[in-house]
């Protein structure tokens, strides 16, 4: 599945037009469409980057578990961009391609550990009702500490927000990213 919109509603800025501070924060590599698009609003982007960097790089959730929930919320939000970017990250964080392929089937699919099932269920519950139910919370709390539980909620929320922005702004996936599975 491709992006919901075939053309951007908010076009990504050419790299040479990026705010100097933003360009410095992004480093020397290629600048992804998400950043070139959000750079249309430099004040928003600078503040969002602080939070986004915590969730992606400083969260107390282990990378494998973090990517499991990011892919699940990306799939639930039907965000082709989010899915494609995070499949690559998930593979380098310890998820197998078979596990990634199983994510759209949800928490009741065969093969998940108890913790993985609880993480997926929590993501589904947050997406559907903005609340983790007592049974799911108890299952999570058997394996996660308070910081990890909080980081889980904020990870799902962050990537729900990002998926909404990507979908609504029409941010186009970079060539070669994996497609969003149908579901």
N, C-alpha and C. Protein backbone atom coordinates (compact mmCIF):
# COMPACT_ATOMS: atom_id res chain seq x y z
N UNK A 1 0.85 -1.18 0.00
CA UNK A 1 0.00 0.00 0.00
C UNK A 1 0.89 1.23 0.00
N UNK A 2 0.56 2.18 -0.81
CA UNK A 2 1.30 3.43 -0.87
C UNK A 2 0.67 4.44 0.08
N UNK A 3 1.26 5.62 0.12
CA UNK A 3 0.74 6.69 0.97
C UNK A 3 -0.70 7.00 0.58
N UNK A 4 -1.47 7.47 1.53
CA UNK A 4 -2.89 7.80 1.28
C UNK A 4 -3.06 8.87 0.21
N UNK A 5 -2.15 9.80 0.17
CA UNK A 5 -2.15 10.85 -0.84
C UNK A 5 -0.99 10.60 -1.79
N UNK A 6 -1.21 10.79 -3.07
CA UNK A 6 -0.14 10.53 -4.04
C UNK A 6 0.77 11.74 -4.23
N UNK A 7 0.35 12.89 -3.73
CA UNK A 7 1.18 14.09 -3.77
C UNK A 7 1.08 14.77 -2.42
N UNK A 8 2.15 15.46 -2.02
CA UNK A 8 2.12 16.14 -0.73
C UNK A 8 1.15 17.31 -0.70
N UNK A 9 0.46 17.45 0.42
CA UNK A 9 -0.33 18.67 0.65
C UNK A 9 0.59 19.79 1.08
N UNK A 10 1.61 19.44 1.83
CA UNK A 10 2.66 20.39 2.23
C UNK A 10 3.95 19.86 1.64
N UNK A 11 4.49 20.54 0.64
CA UNK A 11 5.68 20.01 -0.04
C UNK A 11 6.92 20.07 0.84
N UNK A 12 7.77 19.06 0.72
CA UNK A 12 9.03 19.09 1.47
C UNK A 12 9.93 20.21 0.92
N UNK A 13 10.62 20.87 1.82
CA UNK A 13 11.54 21.92 1.40
C UNK A 13 12.77 21.30 0.73
N UNK A 14 13.32 21.96 -0.26
CA UNK A 14 14.62 21.54 -0.76
C UNK A 14 15.65 21.67 0.37
N UNK A 15 16.61 20.79 0.41
CA UNK A 15 17.60 20.78 1.49
C UNK A 15 18.27 22.14 1.66
N UNK A 16 18.56 22.81 0.55
CA UNK A 16 19.25 24.10 0.64
C UNK A 16 18.39 25.19 1.26
N UNK A 17 17.09 24.97 1.42
CA UNK A 17 16.20 25.96 2.04
C UNK A 17 15.92 25.67 3.52
N UNK A 18 16.51 24.62 4.06
CA UNK A 18 16.27 24.29 5.47
C UNK A 18 16.89 25.33 6.39
N UNK A 19 16.21 25.63 7.47
CA UNK A 19 16.72 26.47 8.54
C UNK A 19 18.08 25.91 8.97
N UNK A 20 19.05 26.79 9.16
CA UNK A 20 20.42 26.36 9.47
C UNK A 20 20.49 25.51 10.75
N UNK A 21 19.74 25.90 11.78
CA UNK A 21 19.75 25.14 13.03
C UNK A 21 19.18 23.74 12.83
N UNK A 22 18.12 23.63 12.06
CA UNK A 22 17.52 22.32 11.79
C UNK A 22 18.49 21.47 10.98
N UNK A 23 19.11 22.04 9.98
CA UNK A 23 20.07 21.30 9.15
C UNK A 23 21.21 20.76 10.02
N UNK A 24 21.67 21.58 10.95
CA UNK A 24 22.74 21.15 11.85
C UNK A 24 22.28 19.99 12.73
N UNK A 25 21.06 20.06 13.26
CA UNK A 25 20.53 18.99 14.10
C UNK A 25 20.39 17.68 13.35
N UNK A 26 20.09 17.75 12.05
CA UNK A 26 19.85 16.54 11.26
C UNK A 26 21.13 15.87 10.78
N UNK A 27 22.25 16.56 10.88
CA UNK A 27 23.52 15.95 10.50
C UNK A 27 23.79 16.03 9.02
N UNK A 28 24.80 15.26 8.59
CA UNK A 28 25.32 15.38 7.23
C UNK A 28 24.68 14.43 6.23
N UNK A 29 23.93 13.45 6.69
CA UNK A 29 23.35 12.46 5.78
C UNK A 29 22.18 13.00 4.99
N UNK A 30 21.54 12.12 4.23
CA UNK A 30 20.35 12.54 3.49
C UNK A 30 19.25 12.98 4.45
N UNK A 31 18.46 13.94 4.03
CA UNK A 31 17.38 14.47 4.87
C UNK A 31 16.07 13.84 4.38
N UNK A 32 15.44 13.09 5.27
CA UNK A 32 14.20 12.37 4.94
C UNK A 32 13.06 13.35 4.68
N UNK A 33 12.08 12.87 3.91
CA UNK A 33 10.92 13.69 3.57
C UNK A 33 10.16 14.19 4.79
N UNK A 34 10.09 13.38 5.85
CA UNK A 34 9.40 13.84 7.06
C UNK A 34 10.03 15.12 7.59
N UNK A 35 11.36 15.17 7.62
CA UNK A 35 12.04 16.34 8.17
C UNK A 35 11.96 17.51 7.20
N UNK A 36 12.08 17.25 5.91
CA UNK A 36 11.98 18.33 4.93
C UNK A 36 10.57 18.93 4.91
N UNK A 37 9.56 18.12 5.22
CA UNK A 37 8.19 18.63 5.29
C UNK A 37 7.97 19.41 6.58
N UNK A 38 8.34 18.83 7.71
CA UNK A 38 8.14 19.52 8.99
C UNK A 38 8.96 20.80 9.08
N UNK A 39 10.02 20.88 8.28
CA UNK A 39 10.86 22.09 8.26
C UNK A 39 10.10 23.29 7.71
N UNK A 40 8.92 23.06 7.13
CA UNK A 40 8.06 24.18 6.72
C UNK A 40 7.60 24.99 7.94
N UNK A 41 7.68 24.38 9.12
CA UNK A 41 7.28 25.04 10.37
C UNK A 41 8.44 24.85 11.37
N UNK A 42 9.52 25.62 11.23
CA UNK A 42 10.74 25.39 12.01
C UNK A 42 10.54 25.41 13.53
N UNK A 43 9.71 26.30 14.06
CA UNK A 43 9.51 26.35 15.51
C UNK A 43 8.88 25.06 16.01
N UNK A 44 7.85 24.60 15.32
CA UNK A 44 7.21 23.33 15.69
C UNK A 44 8.20 22.19 15.60
N UNK A 45 8.93 22.12 14.50
CA UNK A 45 9.86 21.02 14.30
C UNK A 45 10.93 20.97 15.38
N UNK A 46 11.49 22.10 15.74
CA UNK A 46 12.55 22.13 16.76
C UNK A 46 12.04 21.58 18.09
N UNK A 47 10.85 21.94 18.47
CA UNK A 47 10.30 21.46 19.74
C UNK A 47 9.90 19.99 19.66
N UNK A 48 9.34 19.58 18.52
CA UNK A 48 8.96 18.18 18.34
C UNK A 48 10.18 17.28 18.34
N UNK A 49 11.28 17.72 17.76
CA UNK A 49 12.49 16.90 17.70
C UNK A 49 12.98 16.50 19.09
N UNK A 50 12.85 17.38 20.06
CA UNK A 50 13.29 17.06 21.42
C UNK A 50 12.51 15.86 21.95
N UNK A 51 11.20 15.90 21.83
CA UNK A 51 10.37 14.81 22.31
C UNK A 51 10.59 13.55 21.47
N UNK A 52 10.58 13.71 20.15
CA UNK A 52 10.79 12.57 19.26
C UNK A 52 12.12 11.87 19.51
N UNK A 53 13.15 12.64 19.79
CA UNK A 53 14.46 12.04 20.08
C UNK A 53 14.45 11.26 21.38
N UNK A 54 13.68 11.71 22.36
CA UNK A 54 13.56 10.92 23.59
C UNK A 54 12.90 9.58 23.28
N UNK A 55 11.77 9.64 22.61
CA UNK A 55 11.01 8.42 22.34
C UNK A 55 11.82 7.44 21.51
N UNK A 56 12.51 7.92 20.50
CA UNK A 56 13.24 7.02 19.61
C UNK A 56 14.60 6.61 20.15
N UNK A 57 15.29 7.52 20.83
CA UNK A 57 16.66 7.22 21.20
C UNK A 57 16.98 7.15 22.68
N UNK A 58 16.10 7.64 23.53
CA UNK A 58 16.41 7.68 24.96
C UNK A 58 15.35 7.01 25.83
N UNK A 59 14.41 6.38 25.19
CA UNK A 59 13.34 5.70 25.90
C UNK A 59 13.90 4.55 26.73
N UNK A 60 13.23 4.25 27.82
CA UNK A 60 13.63 3.10 28.65
C UNK A 60 13.12 1.78 28.07
N UNK A 61 12.26 1.84 27.07
CA UNK A 61 11.83 0.61 26.39
C UNK A 61 12.97 0.07 25.55
N UNK A 62 13.24 -1.22 25.61
CA UNK A 62 14.27 -1.77 24.73
C UNK A 62 13.89 -1.54 23.26
N UNK A 63 14.87 -1.36 22.39
CA UNK A 63 14.58 -1.05 20.99
C UNK A 63 13.64 -2.05 20.31
N UNK A 64 13.80 -3.33 20.57
CA UNK A 64 12.96 -4.34 19.93
C UNK A 64 11.48 -4.14 20.29
N UNK A 65 11.20 -3.91 21.56
CA UNK A 65 9.84 -3.70 22.02
C UNK A 65 9.29 -2.37 21.52
N UNK A 66 10.15 -1.37 21.51
CA UNK A 66 9.74 -0.04 20.99
C UNK A 66 9.32 -0.16 19.53
N UNK A 67 10.11 -0.84 18.73
CA UNK A 67 9.79 -0.96 17.31
C UNK A 67 8.55 -1.81 17.06
N UNK A 68 8.32 -2.80 17.91
CA UNK A 68 7.10 -3.60 17.80
C UNK A 68 5.86 -2.71 17.91
N UNK A 69 5.85 -1.83 18.92
CA UNK A 69 4.68 -0.98 19.09
C UNK A 69 4.62 0.13 18.04
N UNK A 70 5.76 0.63 17.60
CA UNK A 70 5.75 1.66 16.55
C UNK A 70 5.18 1.08 15.26
N UNK A 71 5.61 -0.12 14.91
CA UNK A 71 5.05 -0.73 13.70
C UNK A 71 3.56 -1.01 13.85
N UNK A 72 3.14 -1.45 15.03
CA UNK A 72 1.72 -1.72 15.22
C UNK A 72 0.89 -0.45 15.09
N UNK A 73 1.31 0.65 15.73
CA UNK A 73 0.52 1.88 15.63
C UNK A 73 0.61 2.44 14.22
N UNK A 74 1.74 2.32 13.57
CA UNK A 74 1.85 2.76 12.18
C UNK A 74 0.90 1.99 11.28
N UNK A 75 0.80 0.68 11.52
CA UNK A 75 -0.13 -0.14 10.73
C UNK A 75 -1.58 0.23 11.05
N UNK A 76 -1.90 0.37 12.34
CA UNK A 76 -3.27 0.73 12.73
C UNK A 76 -3.69 2.07 12.12
N UNK A 77 -2.76 3.00 12.02
CA UNK A 77 -3.05 4.32 11.45
C UNK A 77 -2.95 4.33 9.93
N UNK A 78 -2.61 3.20 9.34
CA UNK A 78 -2.47 3.07 7.89
C UNK A 78 -1.46 4.08 7.35
N UNK A 79 -0.32 4.21 8.06
CA UNK A 79 0.72 5.14 7.67
C UNK A 79 1.82 4.40 6.92
N UNK A 80 1.76 4.48 5.59
CA UNK A 80 2.75 3.81 4.74
C UNK A 80 4.15 4.33 5.04
N UNK A 81 4.28 5.63 5.26
CA UNK A 81 5.60 6.21 5.53
C UNK A 81 6.16 5.66 6.84
N UNK A 82 5.36 5.71 7.88
CA UNK A 82 5.82 5.24 9.20
C UNK A 82 6.21 3.76 9.13
N UNK A 83 5.35 2.95 8.53
CA UNK A 83 5.63 1.53 8.41
C UNK A 83 6.97 1.30 7.68
N UNK A 84 7.11 1.91 6.52
CA UNK A 84 8.30 1.68 5.71
C UNK A 84 9.59 2.07 6.42
N UNK A 85 9.59 3.24 7.05
CA UNK A 85 10.80 3.68 7.76
C UNK A 85 11.13 2.74 8.92
N UNK A 86 10.11 2.31 9.64
CA UNK A 86 10.38 1.55 10.86
C UNK A 86 10.58 0.06 10.63
N UNK A 87 10.21 -0.47 9.48
CA UNK A 87 10.59 -1.86 9.18
C UNK A 87 12.10 -1.98 9.19
N UNK A 88 12.77 -1.05 8.57
CA UNK A 88 14.25 -1.08 8.54
C UNK A 88 14.83 -0.98 9.95
N UNK A 89 14.30 -0.07 10.74
CA UNK A 89 14.80 0.10 12.11
C UNK A 89 14.50 -1.15 12.93
N UNK A 90 13.32 -1.72 12.76
CA UNK A 90 12.93 -2.92 13.51
C UNK A 90 13.86 -4.09 13.19
N UNK A 91 14.21 -4.26 11.94
CA UNK A 91 15.11 -5.35 11.56
C UNK A 91 16.46 -5.19 12.22
N UNK A 92 16.93 -3.95 12.36
CA UNK A 92 18.22 -3.73 13.01
C UNK A 92 18.10 -3.73 14.53
N UNK A 93 16.86 -3.78 15.05
CA UNK A 93 16.62 -3.80 16.50
C UNK A 93 16.26 -5.18 17.02
N UNK A 94 16.34 -6.19 16.17
CA UNK A 94 16.14 -7.55 16.64
C UNK A 94 14.85 -8.23 16.24
N UNK A 95 13.94 -7.53 15.57
CA UNK A 95 12.74 -8.19 15.07
C UNK A 95 13.08 -8.90 13.76
N UNK A 96 12.53 -10.07 13.57
CA UNK A 96 12.73 -10.81 12.32
C UNK A 96 11.70 -10.36 11.30
N UNK A 97 11.95 -10.66 10.04
CA UNK A 97 10.97 -10.32 9.01
C UNK A 97 9.66 -11.07 9.26
N UNK A 98 9.75 -12.31 9.73
CA UNK A 98 8.53 -13.08 10.02
C UNK A 98 7.71 -12.40 11.12
N UNK A 99 8.37 -11.87 12.14
CA UNK A 99 7.65 -11.16 13.21
C UNK A 99 7.02 -9.88 12.67
N UNK A 100 7.75 -9.16 11.85
CA UNK A 100 7.21 -7.93 11.25
C UNK A 100 5.99 -8.27 10.40
N UNK A 101 6.08 -9.35 9.64
CA UNK A 101 4.95 -9.76 8.80
C UNK A 101 3.73 -10.15 9.63
N UNK A 102 3.94 -10.55 10.89
CA UNK A 102 2.85 -10.98 11.77
C UNK A 102 2.19 -9.81 12.50
N UNK A 103 2.83 -8.67 12.57
CA UNK A 103 2.32 -7.52 13.32
C UNK A 103 0.90 -7.14 12.91
N UNK A 104 0.56 -7.10 11.62
CA UNK A 104 -0.82 -6.75 11.26
C UNK A 104 -1.86 -7.73 11.81
N UNK A 105 -1.47 -8.95 12.11
CA UNK A 105 -2.42 -9.93 12.66
C UNK A 105 -2.74 -9.66 14.12
N UNK A 106 -1.95 -8.83 14.77
CA UNK A 106 -2.27 -8.38 16.12
C UNK A 106 -1.84 -9.29 17.24
N UNK A 107 -2.29 -8.96 18.45
CA UNK A 107 -1.83 -9.65 19.66
C UNK A 107 -2.28 -11.10 19.77
N UNK A 108 -3.32 -11.49 19.06
CA UNK A 108 -3.81 -12.86 19.19
C UNK A 108 -3.18 -13.83 18.21
N UNK A 109 -2.29 -13.34 17.36
CA UNK A 109 -1.60 -14.22 16.41
C UNK A 109 -0.66 -15.16 17.17
N UNK A 110 -0.51 -16.36 16.66
CA UNK A 110 0.40 -17.34 17.26
C UNK A 110 1.84 -16.84 17.15
N UNK A 111 2.62 -17.15 18.16
CA UNK A 111 4.05 -16.89 18.10
C UNK A 111 4.56 -15.76 18.97
N UNK A 112 3.68 -14.94 19.50
CA UNK A 112 4.13 -13.84 20.36
C UNK A 112 4.40 -14.35 21.77
N UNK A 113 5.36 -13.75 22.44
CA UNK A 113 5.57 -14.02 23.86
C UNK A 113 4.46 -13.29 24.64
N UNK A 114 4.35 -13.58 25.91
CA UNK A 114 3.35 -12.89 26.73
C UNK A 114 3.58 -11.38 26.72
N UNK A 115 4.84 -10.95 26.84
CA UNK A 115 5.13 -9.52 26.82
C UNK A 115 4.78 -8.91 25.47
N UNK A 116 5.17 -9.55 24.38
CA UNK A 116 4.86 -9.01 23.06
C UNK A 116 3.36 -8.91 22.84
N UNK A 117 2.64 -9.91 23.27
CA UNK A 117 1.18 -9.90 23.15
C UNK A 117 0.60 -8.71 23.94
N UNK A 118 1.12 -8.48 25.14
CA UNK A 118 0.64 -7.36 25.96
C UNK A 118 1.00 -6.01 25.33
N UNK A 119 2.19 -5.90 24.75
CA UNK A 119 2.58 -4.66 24.08
C UNK A 119 1.67 -4.36 22.89
N UNK A 120 1.40 -5.37 22.11
CA UNK A 120 0.51 -5.19 20.96
C UNK A 120 -0.91 -4.85 21.41
N UNK A 121 -1.38 -5.54 22.44
CA UNK A 121 -2.73 -5.28 22.95
C UNK A 121 -2.81 -3.86 23.53
N UNK A 122 -1.79 -3.44 24.25
CA UNK A 122 -1.78 -2.07 24.79
C UNK A 122 -1.84 -1.04 23.66
N UNK A 123 -1.10 -1.30 22.60
CA UNK A 123 -1.12 -0.39 21.45
C UNK A 123 -2.52 -0.33 20.85
N UNK A 124 -3.14 -1.49 20.68
CA UNK A 124 -4.50 -1.53 20.14
C UNK A 124 -5.47 -0.78 21.05
N UNK A 125 -5.35 -0.98 22.35
CA UNK A 125 -6.26 -0.33 23.30
C UNK A 125 -6.07 1.18 23.30
N UNK A 126 -4.82 1.62 23.28
CA UNK A 126 -4.56 3.06 23.25
C UNK A 126 -5.10 3.67 21.96
N UNK A 127 -4.94 2.98 20.87
CA UNK A 127 -5.44 3.48 19.59
C UNK A 127 -6.96 3.55 19.58
N UNK A 128 -7.61 2.53 20.12
CA UNK A 128 -9.07 2.45 20.07
C UNK A 128 -9.77 3.30 21.13
N UNK A 129 -9.15 3.40 22.31
CA UNK A 129 -9.87 3.98 23.44
C UNK A 129 -9.04 4.97 24.27
N UNK A 130 -7.79 5.22 23.86
CA UNK A 130 -6.90 6.11 24.62
C UNK A 130 -6.76 5.66 26.08
N UNK A 131 -6.75 4.34 26.28
CA UNK A 131 -6.70 3.79 27.64
C UNK A 131 -6.21 2.34 27.57
N UNK A 132 -5.31 1.99 28.49
CA UNK A 132 -4.88 0.60 28.63
C UNK A 132 -5.72 -0.03 29.72
N UNK A 133 -6.42 -1.10 29.38
CA UNK A 133 -7.28 -1.78 30.34
C UNK A 133 -6.49 -2.47 31.45
N UNK A 134 -7.18 -2.80 32.54
CA UNK A 134 -6.55 -3.39 33.72
C UNK A 134 -5.82 -4.70 33.43
N UNK A 135 -6.42 -5.58 32.66
CA UNK A 135 -5.78 -6.88 32.38
C UNK A 135 -4.49 -6.69 31.58
N UNK A 136 -4.53 -5.81 30.61
CA UNK A 136 -3.33 -5.54 29.80
C UNK A 136 -2.28 -4.85 30.65
N UNK A 137 -2.69 -3.90 31.47
CA UNK A 137 -1.74 -3.22 32.35
C UNK A 137 -1.04 -4.22 33.27
N UNK A 138 -1.80 -5.11 33.85
CA UNK A 138 -1.21 -6.12 34.75
C UNK A 138 -0.22 -6.99 34.01
N UNK A 139 -0.54 -7.39 32.78
CA UNK A 139 0.38 -8.21 31.98
C UNK A 139 1.66 -7.44 31.67
N UNK A 140 1.53 -6.17 31.35
CA UNK A 140 2.70 -5.34 31.09
C UNK A 140 3.55 -5.16 32.35
N UNK A 141 2.89 -4.90 33.46
CA UNK A 141 3.58 -4.60 34.72
C UNK A 141 4.37 -5.80 35.25
N UNK A 142 4.08 -6.99 34.77
CA UNK A 142 4.88 -8.16 35.16
C UNK A 142 6.27 -8.10 34.55
N UNK A 143 6.44 -7.32 33.49
CA UNK A 143 7.71 -7.29 32.77
C UNK A 143 8.33 -5.91 32.65
N UNK A 144 7.56 -4.86 32.85
CA UNK A 144 8.05 -3.50 32.65
C UNK A 144 7.99 -2.71 33.94
N UNK A 145 8.99 -1.83 34.13
CA UNK A 145 8.96 -0.97 35.31
C UNK A 145 8.16 0.30 34.99
N UNK A 146 8.04 1.17 35.97
CA UNK A 146 7.21 2.37 35.81
C UNK A 146 7.66 3.23 34.64
N UNK A 147 8.98 3.45 34.52
CA UNK A 147 9.47 4.28 33.41
C UNK A 147 9.13 3.63 32.07
N UNK A 148 9.30 2.33 31.98
CA UNK A 148 9.00 1.64 30.73
C UNK A 148 7.51 1.70 30.40
N UNK A 149 6.66 1.57 31.40
CA UNK A 149 5.22 1.69 31.17
C UNK A 149 4.87 3.09 30.66
N UNK A 150 5.47 4.09 31.25
CA UNK A 150 5.21 5.46 30.80
C UNK A 150 5.76 5.68 29.39
N UNK A 151 6.98 5.19 29.15
CA UNK A 151 7.56 5.34 27.81
C UNK A 151 6.74 4.60 26.76
N UNK A 152 6.15 3.47 27.11
CA UNK A 152 5.27 2.76 26.19
C UNK A 152 4.10 3.65 25.76
N UNK A 153 3.42 4.24 26.72
CA UNK A 153 2.28 5.10 26.41
C UNK A 153 2.70 6.26 25.52
N UNK A 154 3.81 6.89 25.85
CA UNK A 154 4.26 8.04 25.07
C UNK A 154 4.81 7.63 23.71
N UNK A 155 5.32 6.42 23.58
CA UNK A 155 5.76 5.93 22.27
C UNK A 155 4.55 5.74 21.36
N UNK A 156 3.53 5.07 21.86
CA UNK A 156 2.33 4.88 21.05
C UNK A 156 1.72 6.24 20.70
N UNK A 157 1.65 7.15 21.67
CA UNK A 157 1.09 8.47 21.40
C UNK A 157 1.90 9.26 20.39
N UNK A 158 3.22 9.23 20.53
CA UNK A 158 4.10 9.94 19.60
C UNK A 158 3.91 9.44 18.17
N UNK A 159 3.87 8.13 18.00
CA UNK A 159 3.78 7.60 16.64
C UNK A 159 2.36 7.62 16.10
N UNK A 160 1.37 7.71 16.95
CA UNK A 160 0.01 7.98 16.49
C UNK A 160 -0.02 9.41 15.93
N UNK A 161 0.53 10.35 16.67
CA UNK A 161 0.61 11.73 16.22
C UNK A 161 1.38 11.85 14.92
N UNK A 162 2.55 11.23 14.86
CA UNK A 162 3.37 11.30 13.66
C UNK A 162 2.63 10.69 12.47
N UNK A 163 1.96 9.57 12.70
CA UNK A 163 1.20 8.94 11.61
C UNK A 163 0.10 9.86 11.10
N UNK A 164 -0.59 10.54 12.03
CA UNK A 164 -1.63 11.48 11.62
C UNK A 164 -1.02 12.59 10.77
N UNK A 165 0.11 13.12 11.20
CA UNK A 165 0.76 14.20 10.45
C UNK A 165 1.23 13.71 9.08
N UNK A 166 1.89 12.57 9.04
CA UNK A 166 2.38 12.04 7.77
C UNK A 166 1.24 11.81 6.78
N UNK A 167 0.18 11.17 7.27
CA UNK A 167 -0.96 10.89 6.41
C UNK A 167 -1.63 12.17 5.92
N UNK A 168 -1.88 13.10 6.83
CA UNK A 168 -2.63 14.31 6.48
C UNK A 168 -1.82 15.31 5.67
N UNK A 169 -0.51 15.38 5.92
CA UNK A 169 0.34 16.29 5.16
C UNK A 169 0.72 15.71 3.80
N UNK A 170 0.53 14.40 3.65
CA UNK A 170 0.88 13.76 2.38
C UNK A 170 2.36 13.51 2.20
N UNK A 171 3.07 13.28 3.30
CA UNK A 171 4.51 13.01 3.21
C UNK A 171 4.70 11.70 2.45
N UNK A 172 5.47 11.76 1.39
CA UNK A 172 5.67 10.61 0.51
C UNK A 172 6.86 9.77 0.99
N UNK A 173 6.68 8.45 0.99
CA UNK A 173 7.80 7.57 1.38
C UNK A 173 8.98 7.71 0.42
N UNK A 174 10.17 7.58 0.96
CA UNK A 174 11.35 7.55 0.12
C UNK A 174 11.31 6.29 -0.74
N UNK A 175 11.88 6.35 -1.93
CA UNK A 175 11.90 5.16 -2.79
C UNK A 175 12.58 3.97 -2.09
N UNK A 176 12.01 2.78 -2.32
CA UNK A 176 12.62 1.57 -1.81
C UNK A 176 12.18 1.14 -0.43
N UNK A 177 11.33 1.91 0.22
CA UNK A 177 10.85 1.50 1.55
C UNK A 177 9.86 0.35 1.40
N UNK A 178 9.80 -0.55 2.41
CA UNK A 178 8.81 -1.62 2.36
C UNK A 178 7.39 -1.06 2.36
N UNK A 179 6.52 -1.75 1.65
CA UNK A 179 5.12 -1.33 1.57
C UNK A 179 4.36 -1.69 2.85
N UNK A 180 3.35 -0.90 3.15
CA UNK A 180 2.43 -1.18 4.24
C UNK A 180 1.58 -2.38 3.87
N UNK A 181 1.54 -3.40 4.71
CA UNK A 181 0.69 -4.56 4.40
C UNK A 181 -0.78 -4.18 4.40
N UNK A 182 -1.54 -4.86 3.59
CA UNK A 182 -2.99 -4.65 3.58
C UNK A 182 -3.58 -5.30 4.81
N UNK A 183 -4.73 -4.85 5.17
CA UNK A 183 -5.35 -5.46 6.35
C UNK A 183 -6.77 -5.04 6.54
